[in-house]
Protein backbone atom coordinates (compact mmCIF):
# COMPACT_ATOMS: atom_id res chain seq x y z
CA UNK A 1 -17.79 -49.98 3.26
CA UNK A 2 -18.31 -50.36 -0.49
CA UNK A 3 -21.58 -52.19 0.18
CA UNK A 4 -22.82 -49.33 2.35
CA UNK A 5 -22.02 -46.84 -0.41
CA UNK A 6 -23.93 -48.92 -2.96
CA UNK A 7 -26.89 -49.26 -0.59
CA UNK A 8 -27.00 -45.48 -0.06
CA UNK A 9 -27.03 -44.89 -3.82
CA UNK A 10 -29.92 -47.32 -4.22
CA UNK A 11 -31.91 -45.66 -1.44
CA UNK A 12 -31.51 -42.26 -3.11
CA UNK A 13 -32.83 -43.67 -6.40
CA UNK A 14 -36.07 -44.78 -4.77
CA UNK A 15 -38.86 -42.25 -5.07
CA UNK A 16 -42.00 -41.81 -3.07
CA UNK A 17 -44.86 -43.80 -4.59
CA UNK A 18 -47.25 -41.71 -6.63
CA UNK A 19 -50.85 -42.18 -5.37
CA UNK A 20 -52.15 -41.76 -8.92
CA UNK A 21 -50.09 -44.77 -10.01
CA UNK A 22 -51.16 -46.73 -6.96
CA UNK A 23 -54.84 -46.33 -7.81
CA UNK A 24 -54.16 -46.68 -11.57
CA UNK A 25 -55.76 -43.34 -12.44
CA UNK A 26 -52.72 -41.51 -13.78
CA UNK A 27 -52.94 -42.50 -17.46
CA UNK A 28 -56.40 -41.68 -18.74
CA UNK A 29 -58.24 -43.60 -21.46
CA UNK A 30 -60.18 -40.63 -22.86
CA UNK A 31 -58.88 -37.10 -23.50
CA UNK A 32 -60.36 -34.66 -20.95
CA UNK A 33 -61.32 -31.21 -22.21
CA UNK A 34 -59.31 -29.29 -19.60
CA UNK A 35 -55.93 -30.86 -20.46
CA UNK A 36 -53.25 -29.09 -22.53
CA UNK A 37 -52.40 -31.08 -25.70
CA UNK A 38 -49.74 -31.52 -28.35
CA UNK A 39 -50.03 -33.67 -31.47
CA UNK A 40 -47.04 -35.26 -33.15
CA UNK A 41 -46.71 -37.54 -36.20
CA UNK A 42 -47.26 -41.19 -35.35
CA UNK A 43 -44.29 -43.52 -35.74
CA UNK A 44 -43.79 -47.17 -34.94
CA UNK A 45 -43.73 -47.89 -31.18
CA UNK A 46 -43.59 -44.18 -30.33
CA UNK A 47 -46.69 -44.28 -28.12
CA UNK A 48 -45.22 -46.89 -25.77
CA UNK A 49 -41.81 -45.19 -25.58
CA UNK A 50 -43.31 -41.78 -24.77
CA UNK A 51 -45.66 -43.30 -22.21
CA UNK A 52 -42.71 -44.90 -20.39
CA UNK A 53 -40.80 -41.61 -20.48
CA UNK A 54 -43.77 -39.74 -19.01
CA UNK A 55 -44.18 -42.34 -16.25
CA UNK A 56 -40.56 -41.84 -15.20
CA UNK A 57 -40.28 -38.05 -15.50
CA UNK A 58 -43.72 -36.58 -14.74
CA UNK A 59 -45.97 -36.57 -11.67
CA UNK A 60 -49.52 -35.66 -12.69
CA UNK A 61 -52.24 -37.20 -14.84
CA UNK A 62 -51.79 -37.48 -18.59
CA UNK A 63 -53.42 -38.80 -21.75
CA UNK A 64 -51.76 -40.40 -24.76
CA UNK A 65 -53.58 -41.83 -27.75
CA UNK A 66 -53.95 -41.91 -31.51
CA UNK A 67 -56.16 -39.39 -33.29
CA UNK A 68 -57.07 -38.46 -36.85
CA UNK A 69 -56.28 -34.89 -37.82
CA UNK A 70 -54.77 -32.81 -40.60
CA UNK A 71 -51.00 -32.90 -40.85
CA UNK A 72 -48.75 -30.03 -42.00
CA UNK A 73 -49.59 -30.79 -45.67
CA UNK A 74 -53.36 -30.61 -44.94
CA UNK A 75 -53.82 -34.35 -45.47
CA UNK A 76 -55.64 -36.63 -43.07
CA UNK A 77 -53.08 -38.47 -40.94
CA UNK A 78 -52.88 -40.56 -37.80
CA UNK A 79 -51.27 -38.42 -35.13
CA UNK A 80 -50.31 -39.07 -31.54
CA UNK A 81 -52.20 -36.83 -29.13
CA UNK A 82 -50.47 -36.23 -25.81
CA UNK A 83 -52.09 -34.20 -23.06
CA UNK A 84 -51.21 -33.13 -19.54
CA UNK A 85 -53.30 -31.91 -16.66
CA UNK A 86 -50.59 -29.46 -15.62
CA UNK A 87 -49.54 -26.99 -18.36
CA UNK A 88 -46.03 -26.88 -16.86
CA UNK A 89 -45.60 -30.57 -17.61
CA UNK A 90 -46.48 -30.01 -21.27
CA UNK A 91 -43.76 -27.35 -21.47
CA UNK A 92 -41.23 -29.63 -19.79
CA UNK A 93 -42.24 -32.53 -22.03
CA UNK A 94 -41.74 -30.55 -25.26
CA UNK A 95 -38.32 -29.37 -24.10
CA UNK A 96 -36.93 -32.50 -22.47
CA UNK A 97 -38.41 -35.61 -24.10
CA UNK A 98 -35.72 -37.24 -26.27
CA UNK A 99 -38.36 -38.96 -28.44
CA UNK A 100 -39.45 -35.67 -30.02
CA UNK A 101 -37.42 -34.71 -33.04
CA UNK A 102 -37.55 -31.25 -34.51
CA UNK A 103 -36.46 -30.31 -38.01
């Protein structure tokens, strides 16, 4: 009986496979113009951690990459540019991602 309960919990954790992941077209290598973007200060290993979080919590296509831009002090800085095809996912990302820290 305990084994059946554990098996049911494991079955519920499984999700339907995402076709975008299957064809390896979910994470894009270049930033499309029609995506909605946010830029955040680059920190060590942040790109990989955010990419993993997006893979687990989002459904649609996204872009993540380094970019040069002006920071809040108007100095040139390396920033992390994150974009989503669906504007709703950008909103959810900014509210729910634990890797973003606000002052």
